[in-house]
């Protein structure tokens, strides 16, 4: 991957401006690199009636981390595209009772080259991205999602 086009602060501003739920959830970009994006979120705006993180919030932060990884990687390679999630599974492994993070990664890093070739050739490609939710040093959840990228600006 070429050098990142967005700093963590740039990505956070982009997310808050273009995906308003990220601002409402107080999502913060904790780290970015070519292999993963780590987002952090506090408990307070994401709390449920059991004083743990609401499952929808946990899932949203995990999806947002995975989406951000694809968005930045494609942008850094000059592949302007729209990225959407098509399907995902979420496993909740432990209650989240404090602030938490979601760290994304490509499920199969070797699939990136074929993904970008197909995207350039056909204008559409799919790829699996995962994310791990952590809180207080424990893994609290795992997401695996299939994302679709489109090179044109209009979705079919």
C-alpha atoms as a PDB file:
ATOM      1  CA  UNK A   1       0.000   0.000   0.000  1.00  0.00           C
ATOM      2  CA  UNK A   2       1.239   3.486  -0.793  1.00  0.00           C
ATOM      3  CA  UNK A   3       1.581   6.043   1.975  1.00  0.00           C
ATOM      4  CA  UNK A   4      -1.709   6.891   3.681  1.00  0.00           C
ATOM      5  CA  UNK A   5      -3.671   9.786   2.232  1.00  0.00           C
ATOM      6  CA  UNK A   6      -5.458  10.481   5.517  1.00  0.00           C
ATOM      7  CA  UNK A   7      -3.989  10.887   8.974  1.00  0.00           C
ATOM      8  CA  UNK A   8      -5.950   9.455  11.917  1.00  0.00           C
ATOM      9  CA  UNK A   9      -7.293  12.978  12.583  1.00  0.00           C
ATOM     10  CA  UNK A  10      -8.332  13.354   8.925  1.00  0.00           C
ATOM     11  CA  UNK A  11     -10.097   9.989   8.981  1.00  0.00           C
ATOM     12  CA  UNK A  12     -11.898  10.856  12.199  1.00  0.00           C
ATOM     13  CA  UNK A  13     -13.111  14.163  10.726  1.00  0.00           C
ATOM     14  CA  UNK A  14     -14.200  12.370   7.560  1.00  0.00           C
ATOM     15  CA  UNK A  15     -16.145   9.761   9.530  1.00  0.00           C
ATOM     16  CA  UNK A  16     -17.841  12.345  11.745  1.00  0.00           C
ATOM     17  CA  UNK A  17     -18.767  14.503   8.729  1.00  0.00           C
ATOM     18  CA  UNK A  18     -19.934  11.713   6.400  1.00  0.00           C
ATOM     19  CA  UNK A  19     -21.184   9.018   8.785  1.00  0.00           C
ATOM     20  CA  UNK A  20     -22.950  11.034  11.522  1.00  0.00           C
ATOM     21  CA  UNK A  21     -23.556   8.051  13.803  1.00  0.00           C
ATOM     22  CA  UNK A  22     -19.778   7.918  14.359  1.00  0.00           C
ATOM     23  CA  UNK A  23     -19.879  11.384  15.931  1.00  0.00           C
ATOM     24  CA  UNK A  24     -22.959  10.556  18.024  1.00  0.00           C
ATOM     25  CA  UNK A  25     -21.157   7.447  19.304  1.00  0.00           C
ATOM     26  CA  UNK A  26     -18.010   9.515  20.039  1.00  0.00           C
ATOM     27  CA  UNK A  27     -15.899   7.228  17.852  1.00  0.00           C
ATOM     28  CA  UNK A  28     -12.222   8.172  17.811  1.00  0.00           C
ATOM     29  CA  UNK A  29      -9.574   6.947  15.370  1.00  0.00           C
ATOM     30  CA  UNK A  30      -6.920   5.452  17.650  1.00  0.00           C
ATOM     31  CA  UNK A  31      -4.510   4.078  15.025  1.00  0.00           C
ATOM     32  CA  UNK A  32      -4.135   3.536  11.305  1.00  0.00           C
ATOM     33  CA  UNK A  33      -1.678   1.517   9.289  1.00  0.00           C
ATOM     34  CA  UNK A  34      -1.741  -0.467   6.073  1.00  0.00           C
ATOM     35  CA  UNK A  35      -2.984  -3.631   7.789  1.00  0.00           C
ATOM     36  CA  UNK A  36      -5.568  -2.311  10.246  1.00  0.00           C
ATOM     37  CA  UNK A  37      -7.612   0.578  11.540  1.00  0.00           C
ATOM     38  CA  UNK A  38      -8.317   0.803  15.257  1.00  0.00           C
ATOM     39  CA  UNK A  39     -11.314   2.806  16.367  1.00  0.00           C
ATOM     40  CA  UNK A  40     -12.093   3.565  20.009  1.00  0.00           C
ATOM     41  CA  UNK A  41     -15.464   4.340  21.564  1.00  0.00           C
ATOM     42  CA  UNK A  42     -16.510   5.223  25.111  1.00  0.00           C
ATOM     43  CA  UNK A  43     -19.129   3.332  27.074  1.00  0.00           C
ATOM     44  CA  UNK A  44     -21.356   6.302  27.979  1.00  0.00           C
ATOM     45  CA  UNK A  45     -22.952   7.150  24.588  1.00  0.00           C
ATOM     46  CA  UNK A  46     -23.168   3.453  23.665  1.00  0.00           C
ATOM     47  CA  UNK A  47     -24.641   2.075  26.886  1.00  0.00           C
ATOM     48  CA  UNK A  48     -27.714  -0.129  27.160  1.00  0.00           C
ATOM     49  CA  UNK A  49     -30.167  -0.850  29.978  1.00  0.00           C
ATOM     50  CA  UNK A  50     -27.723  -3.408  31.487  1.00  0.00           C
ATOM     51  CA  UNK A  51     -24.931  -0.829  31.741  1.00  0.00           C
ATOM     52  CA  UNK A  52     -22.940  -2.572  29.021  1.00  0.00           C
ATOM     53  CA  UNK A  53     -22.327  -1.550  25.423  1.00  0.00           C
ATOM     54  CA  UNK A  54     -25.430  -1.932  23.261  1.00  0.00           C
ATOM     55  CA  UNK A  55     -24.887  -4.721  20.723  1.00  0.00           C
ATOM     56  CA  UNK A  56     -25.820  -2.450  17.849  1.00  0.00           C
ATOM     57  CA  UNK A  57     -23.155   0.030  18.909  1.00  0.00           C
ATOM     58  CA  UNK A  58     -20.527  -2.694  19.156  1.00  0.00           C
ATOM     59  CA  UNK A  59     -21.458  -3.967  15.706  1.00  0.00           C
ATOM     60  CA  UNK A  60     -21.512  -0.446  14.237  1.00  0.00           C
ATOM     61  CA  UNK A  61     -18.001   0.366  15.512  1.00  0.00           C
ATOM     62  CA  UNK A  62     -16.674  -2.963  14.182  1.00  0.00           C
ATOM     63  CA  UNK A  63     -18.271  -2.368  10.757  1.00  0.00           C
ATOM     64  CA  UNK A  64     -16.976   1.204  10.722  1.00  0.00           C
ATOM     65  CA  UNK A  65     -13.440  -0.013  11.440  1.00  0.00           C
ATOM     66  CA  UNK A  66     -13.621  -2.574   8.624  1.00  0.00           C
ATOM     67  CA  UNK A  67     -15.138  -0.056   6.199  1.00  0.00           C
ATOM     68  CA  UNK A  68     -12.431   2.483   7.096  1.00  0.00           C
ATOM     69  CA  UNK A  69      -9.669   0.000   6.315  1.00  0.00           C
ATOM     70  CA  UNK A  70     -11.032  -0.580   2.816  1.00  0.00           C
ATOM     71  CA  UNK A  71     -11.735   3.107   2.260  1.00  0.00           C
ATOM     72  CA  UNK A  72      -8.167   4.138   3.137  1.00  0.00           C
ATOM     73  CA  UNK A  73      -6.450   1.293   1.303  1.00  0.00           C
ATOM     74  CA  UNK A  74      -8.411   1.929  -1.889  1.00  0.00           C
ATOM     75  CA  UNK A  75      -7.854   5.689  -1.644  1.00  0.00           C
ATOM     76  CA  UNK A  76      -4.105   5.220  -1.103  1.00  0.00           C
ATOM     77  CA  UNK A  77      -3.916   3.153  -4.285  1.00  0.00           C
ATOM     78  CA  UNK A  78      -5.832   5.754  -6.288  1.00  0.00           C
ATOM     79  CA  UNK A  79      -8.899   3.538  -6.631  1.00  0.00           C
ATOM     80  CA  UNK A  80     -11.724   5.981  -5.983  1.00  0.00           C
ATOM     81  CA  UNK A  81     -14.731   3.862  -5.162  1.00  0.00           C
ATOM     82  CA  UNK A  82     -17.766   3.446  -2.983  1.00  0.00           C
ATOM     83  CA  UNK A  83     -17.605   0.732  -0.344  1.00  0.00           C
ATOM     84  CA  UNK A  84     -20.682  -0.884   1.182  1.00  0.00           C
ATOM     85  CA  UNK A  85     -21.206  -3.846   3.450  1.00  0.00           C
ATOM     86  CA  UNK A  86     -23.176  -6.676   1.888  1.00  0.00           C
ATOM     87  CA  UNK A  87     -23.239  -9.268   4.657  1.00  0.00           C
ATOM     88  CA  UNK A  88     -21.742  -9.773   8.097  1.00  0.00           C
ATOM     89  CA  UNK A  89     -21.698 -12.018  11.126  1.00  0.00           C
ATOM     90  CA  UNK A  90     -21.026 -10.755  14.625  1.00  0.00           C
ATOM     91  CA  UNK A  91     -20.064 -12.912  17.581  1.00  0.00           C
ATOM     92  CA  UNK A  92     -20.454 -11.337  21.011  1.00  0.00           C
ATOM     93  CA  UNK A  93     -18.012 -13.104  23.311  1.00  0.00           C
ATOM     94  CA  UNK A  94     -18.188 -11.023  26.508  1.00  0.00           C
ATOM     95  CA  UNK A  95     -20.136  -8.050  27.823  1.00  0.00           C
ATOM     96  CA  UNK A  96     -18.402  -4.727  27.254  1.00  0.00           C
ATOM     97  CA  UNK A  97     -18.551  -2.765  30.499  1.00  0.00           C
ATOM     98  CA  UNK A  98     -16.051  -0.012  29.682  1.00  0.00           C
ATOM     99  CA  UNK A  99     -14.549   1.886  26.756  1.00  0.00           C
ATOM    100  CA  UNK A 100     -13.709  -0.397  23.835  1.00  0.00           C
ATOM    101  CA  UNK A 101     -11.848  -0.652  20.544  1.00  0.00           C
ATOM    102  CA  UNK A 102     -12.456  -2.275  17.181  1.00  0.00           C
ATOM    103  CA  UNK A 103      -9.394  -3.298  15.146  1.00  0.00           C
ATOM    104  CA  UNK A 104      -9.976  -4.298  11.524  1.00  0.00           C
ATOM    105  CA  UNK A 105      -7.951  -6.577   9.256  1.00  0.00           C
ATOM    106  CA  UNK A 106      -8.262  -8.369   5.932  1.00  0.00           C
ATOM    107  CA  UNK A 107      -9.456 -11.925   6.550  1.00  0.00           C
ATOM    108  CA  UNK A 108      -7.124 -13.097   3.773  1.00  0.00           C
ATOM    109  CA  UNK A 109      -4.402 -10.502   3.141  1.00  0.00           C
ATOM    110  CA  UNK A 110      -3.418 -12.369  -0.041  1.00  0.00           C
ATOM    111  CA  UNK A 111      -6.833 -11.570  -1.558  1.00  0.00           C
ATOM    112  CA  UNK A 112      -6.064  -7.837  -1.847  1.00  0.00           C
ATOM    113  CA  UNK A 113      -4.289  -8.032  -5.215  1.00  0.00           C
ATOM    114  CA  UNK A 114      -7.069 -10.014  -6.883  1.00  0.00           C
ATOM    115  CA  UNK A 115      -9.681  -7.760  -5.254  1.00  0.00           C
ATOM    116  CA  UNK A 116      -8.104  -4.594  -6.686  1.00  0.00           C
ATOM    117  CA  UNK A 117      -7.516  -6.191 -10.113  1.00  0.00           C
ATOM    118  CA  UNK A 118     -11.166  -7.253 -10.309  1.00  0.00           C
ATOM    119  CA  UNK A 119     -12.305  -3.820  -9.146  1.00  0.00           C
ATOM    120  CA  UNK A 120     -10.219  -2.112 -11.844  1.00  0.00           C
ATOM    121  CA  UNK A 121     -11.331  -4.555 -14.546  1.00  0.00           C
ATOM    122  CA  UNK A 122     -15.036  -4.994 -13.757  1.00  0.00           C
ATOM    123  CA  UNK A 123     -15.807  -1.940 -11.658  1.00  0.00           C
ATOM    124  CA  UNK A 124     -16.990  -4.080  -8.747  1.00  0.00           C
ATOM    125  CA  UNK A 125     -15.314  -6.505  -6.333  1.00  0.00           C
ATOM    126  CA  UNK A 126     -15.962  -8.212  -2.983  1.00  0.00           C
ATOM    127  CA  UNK A 127     -13.621  -8.852  -0.081  1.00  0.00           C
ATOM    128  CA  UNK A 128     -13.861 -10.227   3.473  1.00  0.00           C
ATOM    129  CA  UNK A 129     -12.806  -7.960   6.316  1.00  0.00           C
ATOM    130  CA  UNK A 130     -12.758  -8.835   9.993  1.00  0.00           C
ATOM    131  CA  UNK A 131     -12.710  -6.806  13.177  1.00  0.00           C
ATOM    132  CA  UNK A 132     -11.952  -7.662  16.784  1.00  0.00           C
ATOM    133  CA  UNK A 133     -13.637  -5.830  19.663  1.00  0.00           C
ATOM    134  CA  UNK A 134     -11.543  -5.450  22.799  1.00  0.00           C
ATOM    135  CA  UNK A 135     -12.160  -4.007  26.236  1.00  0.00           C
ATOM    136  CA  UNK A 136     -10.001  -4.110  29.335  1.00  0.00           C
ATOM    137  CA  UNK A 137      -7.512  -6.416  27.614  1.00  0.00           C
ATOM    138  CA  UNK A 138     -10.059  -9.074  26.588  1.00  0.00           C
ATOM    139  CA  UNK A 139     -11.575  -9.940  23.238  1.00  0.00           C
ATOM    140  CA  UNK A 140     -15.263  -9.142  23.569  1.00  0.00           C
ATOM    141  CA  UNK A 141     -16.436  -9.743  20.008  1.00  0.00           C
ATOM    142  CA  UNK A 142     -15.550 -10.601  16.425  1.00  0.00           C
ATOM    143  CA  UNK A 143     -17.022  -9.419  13.150  1.00  0.00           C
ATOM    144  CA  UNK A 144     -16.562 -10.857   9.698  1.00  0.00           C
ATOM    145  CA  UNK A 145     -18.092  -8.928   6.847  1.00  0.00           C
ATOM    146  CA  UNK A 146     -18.236  -9.112   3.088  1.00  0.00           C
ATOM    147  CA  UNK A 147     -17.780  -5.677   1.571  1.00  0.00           C
ATOM    148  CA  UNK A 148     -18.387  -4.619  -2.010  1.00  0.00           C
ATOM    149  CA  UNK A 149     -16.502  -1.814  -3.719  1.00  0.00           C
ATOM    150  CA  UNK A 150     -17.814  -0.029  -6.826  1.00  0.00           C
ATOM    151  CA  UNK A 151     -15.635   2.235  -8.964  1.00  0.00           C
ATOM    152  CA  UNK A 152     -18.559   4.194 -10.303  1.00  0.00           C
ATOM    153  CA  UNK A 153     -20.269   6.728  -8.059  1.00  0.00           C
ATOM    154  CA  UNK A 154     -23.724   5.222  -8.429  1.00  0.00           C
ATOM    155  CA  UNK A 155     -24.695   1.972  -6.804  1.00  0.00           C
ATOM    156  CA  UNK A 156     -26.600  -0.536  -8.951  1.00  0.00           C
END
